[in-house]
PDB file of N, CA and C in Angstrom:
ATOM      1  N   MET A   1      20.312  26.847  89.073  1.00  0.00           N
ATOM      2  CA  MET A   1      21.196  26.697  90.216  1.00  0.00           C
ATOM      3  C   MET A   1      22.069  25.460  90.006  1.00  0.00           C
ATOM      4  N   GLU A   2      23.356  25.624  90.131  1.00  0.00           N
ATOM      5  CA  GLU A   2      24.279  24.509  89.934  1.00  0.00           C
ATOM      6  C   GLU A   2      24.403  23.674  91.196  1.00  0.00           C
ATOM      7  N   GLU A   3      24.460  22.373  90.976  1.00  0.00           N
ATOM      8  CA  GLU A   3      24.658  21.460  92.095  1.00  0.00           C
ATOM      9  C   GLU A   3      26.135  21.083  92.142  1.00  0.00           C
ATOM     10  N   LYS A   4      26.737  21.222  93.306  1.00  0.00           N
ATOM     11  CA  LYS A   4      28.156  20.903  93.450  1.00  0.00           C
ATOM     12  C   LYS A   4      28.306  19.456  93.884  1.00  0.00           C
ATOM     13  N   THR A   5      29.231  18.767  93.261  1.00  0.00           N
ATOM     14  CA  THR A   5      29.522  17.393  93.657  1.00  0.00           C
ATOM     15  C   THR A   5      30.798  17.385  94.486  1.00  0.00           C
ATOM     16  N   THR A   6      30.861  16.467  95.414  1.00  0.00           N
ATOM     17  CA  THR A   6      32.014  16.428  96.307  1.00  0.00           C
ATOM     18  C   THR A   6      33.000  15.325  95.955  1.00  0.00           C
ATOM     19  N   GLY A   7      32.660  14.484  95.016  1.00  0.00           N
ATOM     20  CA  GLY A   7      33.551  13.386  94.677  1.00  0.00           C
ATOM     21  C   GLY A   7      33.212  12.820  93.313  1.00  0.00           C
ATOM     22  N   PRO A   8      33.826  11.705  92.975  1.00  0.00           N
ATOM     23  CA  PRO A   8      33.565  11.102  91.669  1.00  0.00           C
ATOM     24  C   PRO A   8      32.135  10.582  91.565  1.00  0.00           C
ATOM     25  N   LYS A   9      31.664  10.498  90.331  1.00  0.00           N
ATOM     26  CA  LYS A   9      30.313  10.003  90.070  1.00  0.00           C
ATOM     27  C   LYS A   9      30.196   8.558  90.560  1.00  0.00           C
ATOM     28  N   MET A  10      29.100   8.273  91.258  1.00  0.00           N
ATOM     29  CA  MET A  10      28.907   6.965  91.868  1.00  0.00           C
ATOM     30  C   MET A  10      28.939   5.850  90.822  1.00  0.00           C
ATOM     31  N   PHE A  11      29.615   4.761  91.159  1.00  0.00           N
ATOM     32  CA  PHE A  11      29.787   3.548  90.366  1.00  0.00           C
ATOM     33  C   PHE A  11      30.693   3.735  89.143  1.00  0.00           C
ATOM     34  N   SER A  12      31.389   4.860  89.049  1.00  0.00           N
ATOM     35  CA  SER A  12      32.378   5.033  87.984  1.00  0.00           C
ATOM     36  C   SER A  12      33.686   4.374  88.426  1.00  0.00           C
ATOM     37  N   VAL A  13      34.612   4.245  87.506  1.00  0.00           N
ATOM     38  CA  VAL A  13      35.914   3.656  87.842  1.00  0.00           C
ATOM     39  C   VAL A  13      36.603   4.496  88.923  1.00  0.00           C
ATOM     40  N   ALA A  14      36.516   5.817  88.796  1.00  0.00           N
ATOM     41  CA  ALA A  14      37.135   6.698  89.796  1.00  0.00           C
ATOM     42  C   ALA A  14      36.474   6.520  91.164  1.00  0.00           C
ATOM     43  N   TRP A  15      35.164   6.298  91.176  1.00  0.00           N
ATOM     44  CA  TRP A  15      34.455   6.097  92.438  1.00  0.00           C
ATOM     45  C   TRP A  15      34.905   4.797  93.098  1.00  0.00           C
ATOM     46  N   PHE A  16      35.009   3.707  92.313  1.00  0.00           N
ATOM     47  CA  PHE A  16      35.473   2.436  92.880  1.00  0.00           C
ATOM     48  C   PHE A  16      36.895   2.574  93.409  1.00  0.00           C
ATOM     49  N   ARG A  17      37.725   3.321  92.703  1.00  0.00           N
ATOM     50  CA  ARG A  17      39.096   3.546  93.162  1.00  0.00           C
ATOM     51  C   ARG A  17      39.078   4.292  94.504  1.00  0.00           C
ATOM     52  N   ALA A  18      38.249   5.331  94.597  1.00  0.00           N
ATOM     53  CA  ALA A  18      38.138   6.085  95.853  1.00  0.00           C
ATOM     54  C   ALA A  18      37.528   5.221  96.955  1.00  0.00           C
ATOM     55  N   LEU A  19      36.553   4.399  96.594  1.00  0.00           N
ATOM     56  CA  LEU A  19      35.895   3.522  97.568  1.00  0.00           C
ATOM     57  C   LEU A  19      36.890   2.551  98.188  1.00  0.00           C
ATOM     58  N   LEU A  20      37.609   1.837  97.341  1.00  0.00           N
ATOM     59  CA  LEU A  20      38.504   0.795  97.837  1.00  0.00           C
ATOM     60  C   LEU A  20      39.796   1.338  98.435  1.00  0.00           C
ATOM     61  N   SER A  21      40.084   2.619  98.203  1.00  0.00           N
ATOM     62  CA  SER A  21      41.259   3.220  98.842  1.00  0.00           C
ATOM     63  C   SER A  21      40.862   4.051 100.066  1.00  0.00           C
ATOM     64  N   ALA A  22      39.633   3.865 100.545  1.00  0.00           N
ATOM     65  CA  ALA A  22      39.132   4.472 101.789  1.00  0.00           C
ATOM     66  C   ALA A  22      39.124   5.994 101.751  1.00  0.00           C
ATOM     67  N   GLN A  23      38.818   6.582 100.604  1.00  0.00           N
ATOM     68  CA  GLN A  23      38.762   8.036 100.490  1.00  0.00           C
ATOM     69  C   GLN A  23      37.347   8.583 100.639  1.00  0.00           C
ATOM     70  N   LEU A  24      36.365   7.700 100.789  1.00  0.00           N
ATOM     71  CA  LEU A  24      34.973   8.124 100.928  1.00  0.00           C
ATOM     72  C   LEU A  24      34.551   8.024 102.387  1.00  0.00           C
ATOM     73  N   PRO A  25      33.466   8.706 102.759  1.00  0.00           N
ATOM     74  CA  PRO A  25      32.988   8.603 104.142  1.00  0.00           C
ATOM     75  C   PRO A  25      32.620   7.165 104.510  1.00  0.00           C
ATOM     76  N   THR A  26      32.664   6.867 105.787  1.00  0.00           N
ATOM     77  CA  THR A  26      32.383   5.517 106.266  1.00  0.00           C
ATOM     78  C   THR A  26      31.011   5.027 105.826  1.00  0.00           C
ATOM     79  N   GLY A  27      30.001   5.878 105.937  1.00  0.00           N
ATOM     80  CA  GLY A  27      28.646   5.471 105.560  1.00  0.00           C
ATOM     81  C   GLY A  27      28.542   5.074 104.105  1.00  0.00           C
ATOM     82  N   GLU A  28      29.101   5.883 103.225  1.00  0.00           N
ATOM     83  CA  GLU A  28      29.062   5.559 101.795  1.00  0.00           C
ATOM     84  C   GLU A  28      29.884   4.310 101.504  1.00  0.00           C
ATOM     85  N   THR A  29      31.028   4.206 102.141  1.00  0.00           N
ATOM     86  CA  THR A  29      31.872   3.035 101.925  1.00  0.00           C
ATOM     87  C   THR A  29      31.133   1.759 102.310  1.00  0.00           C
ATOM     88  N   PHE A  30      30.479   1.765 103.473  1.00  0.00           N
ATOM     89  CA  PHE A  30      29.769   0.568 103.921  1.00  0.00           C
ATOM     90  C   PHE A  30      28.489   0.330 103.133  1.00  0.00           C
ATOM     91  N   TRP A  31      27.583   1.286 103.152  1.00  0.00           N
ATOM     92  CA  TRP A  31      26.252   1.054 102.582  1.00  0.00           C
ATOM     93  C   TRP A  31      26.279   0.877 101.073  1.00  0.00           C
ATOM     94  N   VAL A  32      26.903   1.793 100.373  1.00  0.00           N
ATOM     95  CA  VAL A  32      26.903   1.692  98.912  1.00  0.00           C
ATOM     96  C   VAL A  32      27.893   0.633  98.451  1.00  0.00           C
ATOM     97  N   GLY A  33      29.009   0.503  99.151  1.00  0.00           N
ATOM     98  CA  GLY A  33      29.981  -0.528  98.790  1.00  0.00           C
ATOM     99  C   GLY A  33      29.415  -1.928  98.910  1.00  0.00           C
ATOM    100  N   ASN A  34      28.619  -2.177  99.945  1.00  0.00           N
ATOM    101  CA  ASN A  34      28.017  -3.497 100.144  1.00  0.00           C
ATOM    102  C   ASN A  34      26.727  -3.685  99.361  1.00  0.00           C
ATOM    103  N   PHE A  35      25.795  -2.761  99.524  1.00  0.00           N
ATOM    104  CA  PHE A  35      24.441  -2.997  99.038  1.00  0.00           C
ATOM    105  C   PHE A  35      24.125  -2.274  97.733  1.00  0.00           C
ATOM    106  N   GLY A  36      24.793  -1.172  97.461  1.00  0.00           N
ATOM    107  CA  GLY A  36      24.604  -0.503  96.173  1.00  0.00           C
ATOM    108  C   GLY A  36      25.153  -1.341  95.030  1.00  0.00           C
ATOM    109  N   THR A  37      26.317  -1.945  95.255  1.00  0.00           N
ATOM    110  CA  THR A  37      26.898  -2.789  94.208  1.00  0.00           C
ATOM    111  C   THR A  37      26.092  -4.063  93.999  1.00  0.00           C
ATOM    112  N   ALA A  38      25.348  -4.491  95.023  1.00  0.00           N
ATOM    113  CA  ALA A  38      24.501  -5.686  94.884  1.00  0.00           C
ATOM    114  C   ALA A  38      23.404  -5.472  93.847  1.00  0.00           C
ATOM    115  N   LEU A  39      23.053  -4.218  93.586  1.00  0.00           N
ATOM    116  CA  LEU A  39      22.070  -3.932  92.538  1.00  0.00           C
ATOM    117  C   LEU A  39      22.575  -4.379  91.170  1.00  0.00           C
ATOM    118  N   PHE A  40      23.881  -4.559  91.040  1.00  0.00           N
ATOM    119  CA  PHE A  40      24.465  -5.004  89.780  1.00  0.00           C
ATOM    120  C   PHE A  40      24.811  -6.493  89.801  1.00  0.00           C
ATOM    121  N   HIS A  41      25.518  -6.938  90.860  1.00  0.00           N
ATOM    122  CA  HIS A  41      25.992  -8.323  90.815  1.00  0.00           C
ATOM    123  C   HIS A  41      24.916  -9.354  91.116  1.00  0.00           C
ATOM    124  N   GLN A  42      23.910  -9.033  91.901  1.00  0.00           N
ATOM    125  CA  GLN A  42      22.876 -10.031  92.190  1.00  0.00           C
ATOM    126  C   GLN A  42      22.016 -10.359  90.966  1.00  0.00           C
ATOM    127  N   PRO A  43      21.541  -9.368  90.193  1.00  0.00           N
ATOM    128  CA  PRO A  43      20.817  -9.727  88.961  1.00  0.00           C
ATOM    129  C   PRO A  43      21.698 -10.489  87.971  1.00  0.00           C
ATOM    130  N   LEU A  44      22.984 -10.137  87.896  1.00  0.00           N
ATOM    131  CA  LEU A  44      23.896 -10.851  87.006  1.00  0.00           C
ATOM    132  C   LEU A  44      23.992 -12.317  87.405  1.00  0.00           C
ATOM    133  N   ILE A  45      24.120 -12.579  88.685  1.00  0.00           N
ATOM    134  CA  ILE A  45      24.206 -13.961  89.160  1.00  0.00           C
ATOM    135  C   ILE A  45      22.911 -14.710  88.863  1.00  0.00           C
ATOM    136  N   ALA A  46      21.772 -14.057  89.077  1.00  0.00           N
ATOM    137  CA  ALA A  46      20.484 -14.701  88.793  1.00  0.00           C
ATOM    138  C   ALA A  46      20.370 -15.072  87.318  1.00  0.00           C
ATOM    139  N   ILE A  47      20.784 -14.176  86.446  1.00  0.00           N
ATOM    140  CA  ILE A  47      20.738 -14.453  85.006  1.00  0.00           C
ATOM    141  C   ILE A  47      21.676 -15.599  84.657  1.00  0.00           C
ATOM    142  N   LEU A  48      22.879 -15.594  85.218  1.00  0.00           N
ATOM    143  CA  LEU A  48      23.835 -16.662  84.926  1.00  0.00           C
ATOM    144  C   LEU A  48      23.328 -18.015  85.413  1.00  0.00           C
ATOM    145  N   LEU A  49      22.632 -18.041  86.544  1.00  0.00           N
ATOM    146  CA  LEU A  49      22.066 -19.301  87.038  1.00  0.00           C
ATOM    147  C   LEU A  49      20.970 -19.813  86.110  1.00  0.00           C
ATOM    148  N   VAL A  50      20.120 -18.921  85.633  1.00  0.00           N
ATOM    149  CA  VAL A  50      19.029 -19.307  84.734  1.00  0.00           C
ATOM    150  C   VAL A  50      19.581 -19.812  83.404  1.00  0.00           C
ATOM    151  N   LEU A  51      20.676 -19.243  82.949  1.00  0.00           N
ATOM    152  CA  LEU A  51      21.263 -19.629  81.662  1.00  0.00           C
ATOM    153  C   LEU A  51      22.127 -20.882  81.750  1.00  0.00           C
ATOM    154  N   SER A  52      22.156 -21.524  82.887  1.00  0.00           N
ATOM    155  CA  SER A  52      22.975 -22.730  83.094  1.00  0.00           C
ATOM    156  C   SER A  52      24.434 -22.481  82.725  1.00  0.00           C
ATOM    157  N   THR A  53      24.978 -21.444  83.282  1.00  0.00           N
ATOM    158  CA  THR A  53      26.364 -21.059  83.048  1.00  0.00           C
ATOM    159  C   THR A  53      27.302 -22.115  83.630  1.00  0.00           C
ATOM    160  N   PRO A  54      28.444 -22.373  82.986  1.00  0.00           N
ATOM    161  CA  PRO A  54      29.399 -23.351  83.522  1.00  0.00           C
ATOM    162  C   PRO A  54      29.790 -23.041  84.972  1.00  0.00           C
ATOM    163  N   VAL A  55      30.024 -24.099  85.711  1.00  0.00           N
ATOM    164  CA  VAL A  55      30.331 -24.003  87.139  1.00  0.00           C
ATOM    165  C   VAL A  55      31.538 -23.103  87.397  1.00  0.00           C
ATOM    166  N   GLY A  56      32.546 -23.196  86.567  1.00  0.00           N
ATOM    167  CA  GLY A  56      33.751 -22.394  86.765  1.00  0.00           C
ATOM    168  C   GLY A  56      33.482 -20.898  86.697  1.00  0.00           C
ATOM    169  N   VAL A  57      32.571 -20.496  85.824  1.00  0.00           N
ATOM    170  CA  VAL A  57      32.231 -19.074  85.699  1.00  0.00           C
ATOM    171  C   VAL A  57      31.531 -18.590  86.969  1.00  0.00           C
ATOM    172  N   LEU A  58      30.567 -19.372  87.446  1.00  0.00           N
ATOM    173  CA  LEU A  58      29.849 -18.994  88.670  1.00  0.00           C
ATOM    174  C   LEU A  58      30.787 -18.955  89.873  1.00  0.00           C
ATOM    175  N   ALA A  59      31.608 -19.978  90.016  1.00  0.00           N
ATOM    176  CA  ALA A  59      32.555 -20.012  91.136  1.00  0.00           C
ATOM    177  C   ALA A  59      33.543 -18.851  91.034  1.00  0.00           C
ATOM    178  N   GLY A  60      33.974 -18.540  89.819  1.00  0.00           N
ATOM    179  CA  GLY A  60      34.885 -17.416  89.622  1.00  0.00           C
ATOM    180  C   GLY A  60      34.256 -16.087  90.014  1.00  0.00           C
ATOM    181  N   LEU A  61      32.987 -15.907  89.655  1.00  0.00           N
ATOM    182  CA  LEU A  61      32.286 -14.679  90.025  1.00  0.00           C
ATOM    183  C   LEU A  61      32.144 -14.564  91.542  1.00  0.00           C
ATOM    184  N   TRP A  62      31.762 -15.670  92.190  1.00  0.00           N
ATOM    185  CA  TRP A  62      31.667 -15.653  93.657  1.00  0.00           C
ATOM    186  C   TRP A  62      33.046 -15.389  94.266  1.00  0.00           C
ATOM    187  N   GLY A  63      34.095 -15.950  93.663  1.00  0.00           N
ATOM    188  CA  GLY A  63      35.453 -15.707  94.152  1.00  0.00           C
ATOM    189  C   GLY A  63      35.847 -14.240  94.034  1.00  0.00           C
ATOM    190  N   LEU A  64      35.512 -13.618  92.900  1.00  0.00           N
ATOM    191  CA  LEU A  64      35.799 -12.190  92.726  1.00  0.00           C
ATOM    192  C   LEU A  64      35.034 -11.344  93.746  1.00  0.00           C
ATOM    193  N   LEU A  65      33.793 -11.726  94.001  1.00  0.00           N
ATOM    194  CA  LEU A  65      33.007 -10.999  94.998  1.00  0.00           C
ATOM    195  C   LEU A  65      33.600 -11.165  96.399  1.00  0.00           C
ATOM    196  N   THR A  66      34.168 -12.338  96.674  1.00  0.00           N
ATOM    197  CA  THR A  66      34.826 -12.561  97.964  1.00  0.00           C
ATOM    198  C   THR A  66      36.020 -11.622  98.119  1.00  0.00           C
ATOM    199  N   VAL A  67      36.846 -11.543  97.089  1.00  0.00           N
ATOM    200  CA  VAL A  67      38.019 -10.660  97.125  1.00  0.00           C
ATOM    201  C   VAL A  67      37.572  -9.203  97.266  1.00  0.00           C
ATOM    202  N   TYR A  68      36.525  -8.811  96.531  1.00  0.00           N
ATOM    203  CA  TYR A  68      35.989  -7.451  96.628  1.00  0.00           C
ATOM    204  C   TYR A  68      35.567  -7.147  98.069  1.00  0.00           C
ATOM    205  N   GLN A  69      34.878  -8.086  98.712  1.00  0.00           N
ATOM    206  CA  GLN A  69      34.414  -7.871 100.089  1.00  0.00           C
ATOM    207  C   GLN A  69      35.590  -7.719 101.049  1.00  0.00           C
ATOM    208  N   LEU A  70      36.671  -8.462 100.822  1.00  0.00           N
ATOM    209  CA  LEU A  70      37.849  -8.323 101.686  1.00  0.00           C
ATOM    210  C   LEU A  70      38.478  -6.937 101.533  1.00  0.00           C
ATOM    211  N   TYR A  71      38.585  -6.462 100.286  1.00  0.00           N
ATOM    212  CA  TYR A  71      39.088  -5.107 100.056  1.00  0.00           C
ATOM    213  C   TYR A  71      38.142  -4.075 100.666  1.00  0.00           C
ATOM    214  N   LEU A  72      36.841  -4.312 100.532  1.00  0.00           N
ATOM    215  CA  LEU A  72      35.859  -3.377 101.069  1.00  0.00           C
ATOM    216  C   LEU A  72      35.916  -3.331 102.597  1.00  0.00           C
ATOM    217  N   ALA A  73      36.103  -4.477 103.240  1.00  0.00           N
ATOM    218  CA  ALA A  73      36.225  -4.499 104.705  1.00  0.00           C
ATOM    219  C   ALA A  73      37.428  -3.670 105.152  1.00  0.00           C
ATOM    220  N   THR A  74      38.519  -3.774 104.419  1.00  0.00           N
ATOM    221  CA  THR A  74      39.699  -2.963 104.716  1.00  0.00           C
ATOM    222  C   THR A  74      39.393  -1.483 104.528  1.00  0.00           C
ATOM    223  N   ALA A  75      38.660  -1.156 103.456  1.00  0.00           N
ATOM    224  CA  ALA A  75      38.300   0.243 103.202  1.00  0.00           C
ATOM    225  C   ALA A  75      37.380   0.785 104.289  1.00  0.00           C
ATOM    226  N   VAL A  76      36.424  -0.028 104.744  1.00  0.00           N
ATOM    227  CA  VAL A  76      35.536   0.408 105.831  1.00  0.00           C
ATOM    228  C   VAL A  76      36.365   0.676 107.087  1.00  0.00           C
ATOM    229  N   ALA A  77      37.321  -0.174 107.373  1.00  0.00           N
ATOM    230  CA  ALA A  77      38.160   0.006 108.559  1.00  0.00           C
ATOM    231  C   ALA A  77      39.006   1.276 108.464  1.00  0.00           C
ATOM    232  N   ARG A  78      39.482   1.601 107.271  1.00  0.00           N
ATOM    233  CA  ARG A  78      40.383   2.740 107.088  1.00  0.00           C
ATOM    234  C   ARG A  78      39.670   4.036 106.725  1.00  0.00           C
ATOM    235  N   SER A  79      38.381   3.978 106.415  1.00  0.00           N
ATOM    236  CA  SER A  79      37.661   5.154 105.912  1.00  0.00           C
ATOM    237  C   SER A  79      37.660   6.293 106.925  1.00  0.00           C
ATOM    238  N   LYS A  80      37.674   7.488 106.383  1.00  0.00           N
ATOM    239  CA  LYS A  80      37.621   8.701 107.197  1.00  0.00           C
ATOM    240  C   LYS A  80      36.207   9.259 107.082  1.00  0.00           C
ATOM    241  N   PRO A  81      35.452   9.197 108.151  1.00  0.00           N
ATOM    242  CA  PRO A  81      34.059   9.626 108.063  1.00  0.00           C
ATOM    243  C   PRO A  81      33.911  11.132 107.871  1.00  0.00           C
ATOM    244  N   GLY A  82      32.867  11.515 107.135  1.00  0.00           N
ATOM    245  CA  GLY A  82      32.553  12.929 106.981  1.00  0.00           C
ATOM    246  C   GLY A  82      31.900  13.473 108.240  1.00  0.00           C
ATOM    247  N   VAL A  83      31.303  12.585 108.996  1.00  0.00           N
ATOM    248  CA  VAL A  83      30.696  12.934 110.285  1.00  0.00           C
ATOM    249  C   VAL A  83      31.249  11.961 111.317  1.00  0.00           C
ATOM    250  N   PRO A  84      31.251  12.337 112.578  1.00  0.00           N
ATOM    251  CA  PRO A  84      31.754  11.412 113.599  1.00  0.00           C
ATOM    252  C   PRO A  84      30.986  10.085 113.581  1.00  0.00           C
ATOM    253  N   THR A  85      31.713   8.991 113.550  1.00  0.00           N
ATOM    254  CA  THR A  85      31.109   7.660 113.531  1.00  0.00           C
ATOM    255  C   THR A  85      31.532   6.919 114.792  1.00  0.00           C
ATOM    256  N   PRO A  86      30.565   6.481 115.604  1.00  0.00           N
ATOM    257  CA  PRO A  86      30.931   5.708 116.798  1.00  0.00           C
ATOM    258  C   PRO A  86      31.698   4.443 116.407  1.00  0.00           C
ATOM    259  N   ILE A  87      32.682   4.096 117.190  1.00  0.00           N
ATOM    260  CA  ILE A  87      33.534   2.947 116.881  1.00  0.00           C
ATOM    261  C   ILE A  87      32.722   1.663 116.786  1.00  0.00           C
ATOM    262  N   GLY A  88      31.657   1.556 117.559  1.00  0.00           N
ATOM    263  CA  GLY A  88      30.814   0.361 117.501  1.00  0.00           C
ATOM    264  C   GLY A  88      30.180   0.160 116.138  1.00  0.00           C
ATOM    265  N   TRP A  89      29.737   1.260 115.518  1.00  0.00           N
ATOM    266  CA  TRP A  89      29.141   1.159 114.184  1.00  0.00           C
ATOM    267  C   TRP A  89      30.190   0.760 113.151  1.00  0.00           C
ATOM    268  N   LYS A  90      31.390   1.295 113.317  1.00  0.00           N
ATOM    269  CA  LYS A  90      32.460   0.954 112.376  1.00  0.00           C
ATOM    270  C   LYS A  90      32.808  -0.527 112.496  1.00  0.00           C
ATOM    271  N   ILE A  91      32.908  -1.026 113.724  1.00  0.00           N
ATOM    272  CA  ILE A  91      33.200  -2.451 113.937  1.00  0.00           C
ATOM    273  C   ILE A  91      32.079  -3.309 113.369  1.00  0.00           C
ATOM    274  N   ALA A  92      30.833  -2.891 113.592  1.00  0.00           N
ATOM    275  CA  ALA A  92      29.695  -3.634 113.035  1.00  0.00           C
ATOM    276  C   ALA A  92      29.762  -3.655 111.513  1.00  0.00           C
ATOM    277  N   GLY A  93      30.119  -2.527 110.907  1.00  0.00           N
ATOM    278  CA  GLY A  93      30.244  -2.465 109.450  1.00  0.00           C
ATOM    279  C   GLY A  93      31.324  -3.398 108.929  1.00  0.00           C
ATOM    280  N   ILE A  94      32.439  -3.452 109.629  1.00  0.00           N
ATOM    281  CA  ILE A  94      33.530  -4.349 109.231  1.00  0.00           C
ATOM    282  C   ILE A  94      33.077  -5.801 109.342  1.00  0.00           C
ATOM    283  N   LEU A  95      32.403  -6.143 110.435  1.00  0.00           N
ATOM    284  CA  LEU A  95      31.944  -7.527 110.636  1.00  0.00           C
ATOM    285  C   LEU A  95      30.900  -7.940 109.602  1.00  0.00           C
ATOM    286  N   VAL A  96      29.966  -7.047 109.287  1.00  0.00           N
ATOM    287  CA  VAL A  96      28.956  -7.366 108.262  1.00  0.00           C
ATOM    288  C   VAL A  96      29.623  -7.560 106.906  1.00  0.00           C
ATOM    289  N   THR A  97      30.573  -6.700 106.577  1.00  0.00           N
ATOM    290  CA  THR A  97      31.273  -6.812 105.297  1.00  0.00           C
ATOM    291  C   THR A  97      32.074  -8.111 105.226  1.00  0.00           C
ATOM    292  N   LEU A  98      32.761  -8.463 106.302  1.00  0.00           N
ATOM    293  CA  LEU A  98      33.482  -9.742 106.333  1.00  0.00           C
ATOM    294  C   LEU A  98      32.510 -10.918 106.268  1.00  0.00           C
ATOM    295  N   GLY A  99      31.344 -10.775 106.896  1.00  0.00           N
ATOM    296  CA  GLY A  99      30.318 -11.820 106.816  1.00  0.00           C
ATOM    297  C   GLY A  99      29.833 -12.022 105.393  1.00  0.00           C
ATOM    298  N   ASN A 100      29.645 -10.923 104.664  1.00  0.00           N
ATOM    299  CA  ASN A 100      29.269 -11.039 103.249  1.00  0.00           C
ATOM    300  C   ASN A 100      30.355 -11.766 102.464  1.00  0.00           C
ATOM    301  N   GLY A 101      31.602 -11.430 102.741  1.00  0.00           N
ATOM    302  CA  GLY A 101      32.707 -12.107 102.067  1.00  0.00           C
ATOM    303  C   GLY A 101      32.738 -13.591 102.372  1.00  0.00           C
ATOM    304  N   ALA A 102      32.492 -13.953 103.627  1.00  0.00           N
ATOM    305  CA  ALA A 102      32.452 -15.373 104.007  1.00  0.00           C
ATOM    306  C   ALA A 102      31.307 -16.090 103.305  1.00  0.00           C
ATOM    307  N   LEU A 103      30.180 -15.419 103.179  1.00  0.00           N
ATOM    308  CA  LEU A 103      29.036 -15.999 102.472  1.00  0.00           C
ATOM    309  C   LEU A 103      29.373 -16.238 101.002  1.00  0.00           C
ATOM    310  N   PHE A 104      29.981 -15.250 100.351  1.00  0.00           N
ATOM    311  CA  PHE A 104      30.353 -15.411  98.946  1.00  0.00           C
ATOM    312  C   PHE A 104      31.371 -16.538  98.780  1.00  0.00           C
ATOM    313  N   PHE A 105      32.325 -16.626  99.711  1.00  0.00           N
ATOM    314  CA  PHE A 105      33.310 -17.706  99.655  1.00  0.00           C
ATOM    315  C   PHE A 105      32.633 -19.062  99.791  1.00  0.00           C
ATOM    316  N   SER A 106      31.670 -19.157 100.705  1.00  0.00           N
ATOM    317  CA  SER A 106      30.978 -20.443 100.890  1.00  0.00           C
ATOM    318  C   SER A 106      30.179 -20.819  99.650  1.00  0.00           C
ATOM    319  N   PHE A 107      29.617 -19.836  98.955  1.00  0.00           N
ATOM    320  CA  PHE A 107      28.905 -20.126  97.705  1.00  0.00           C
ATOM    321  C   PHE A 107      29.872 -20.662  96.650  1.00  0.00           C
ATOM    322  N   ALA A 108      31.033 -20.016  96.513  1.00  0.00           N
ATOM    323  CA  ALA A 108      32.021 -20.479  95.536  1.00  0.00           C
ATOM    324  C   ALA A 108      32.473 -21.895  95.861  1.00  0.00           C
ATOM    325  N   ARG A 109      32.728 -22.145  97.118  1.00  0.00           N
ATOM    326  CA  ARG A 109      33.177 -23.481  97.539  1.00  0.00           C
ATOM    327  C   ARG A 109      32.093 -24.529  97.304  1.00  0.00           C
ATOM    328  N   ALA A 110      30.846 -24.199  97.623  1.00  0.00           N
ATOM    329  CA  ALA A 110      29.740 -25.141  97.422  1.00  0.00           C
ATOM    330  C   ALA A 110      29.547 -25.457  95.943  1.00  0.00           C
ATOM    331  N   ILE A 111      29.674 -24.448  95.094  1.00  0.00           N
ATOM    332  CA  ILE A 111      29.521 -24.675  93.651  1.00  0.00           C
ATOM    333  C   ILE A 111      30.630 -25.581  93.146  1.00  0.00           C
ATOM    334  N   LEU A 112      31.861 -25.324  93.581  1.00  0.00           N
ATOM    335  CA  LEU A 112      32.976 -26.162  93.134  1.00  0.00           C
ATOM    336  C   LEU A 112      32.857 -27.586  93.672  1.00  0.00           C
ATOM    337  N   ASN A 113      32.407 -27.748  94.917  1.00  0.00           N
ATOM    338  CA  ASN A 113      32.239 -29.088  95.493  1.00  0.00           C
ATOM    339  C   ASN A 113      31.116 -29.860  94.822  1.00  0.00           C
ATOM    340  N   SER A 114      30.066 -29.173  94.402  1.00  0.00           N
ATOM    341  CA  SER A 114      28.948 -29.859  93.750  1.00  0.00           C
ATOM    342  C   SER A 114      29.313 -30.311  92.341  1.00  0.00           C
ATOM    343  N   ALA A 115      30.317 -29.672  91.752  1.00  0.00           N
ATOM    344  CA  ALA A 115      30.730 -30.039  90.396  1.00  0.00           C
ATOM    345  C   ALA A 115      31.626 -31.266  90.395  1.00  0.00           C
ATOM    346  N   GLY A 116      32.250 -31.551  91.521  1.00  0.00           N
ATOM    347  CA  GLY A 116      33.231 -32.630  91.600  1.00  0.00           C
ATOM    348  C   GLY A 116      32.603 -33.937  91.750  1.00  0.00           C
TER     349      GLY A 116
END
């Protein structure tokens, strides 16, 4: 029996393009965009910290994650849900995503300030 897919393979370049251009359902955009990608960037950050990576590299990575979160918040706001999504959940998703971005920005700023 063949399984039909409805979109690009998860975590592929095409999937990220669809994610950030708000072409995926709200749930996938929020949950996988925020927490699925953390399965990749959080271990990378942990490894870079253990390896005593230069401050600029760590701050740059946190900066890239901040920009990603801002794009993701926009995608969550613009996403077209596959099922009806109450506006309160959508607003909560946008706020959590912006909160993650603020956290990443504060990490980048703290790393740069500690180096000075």
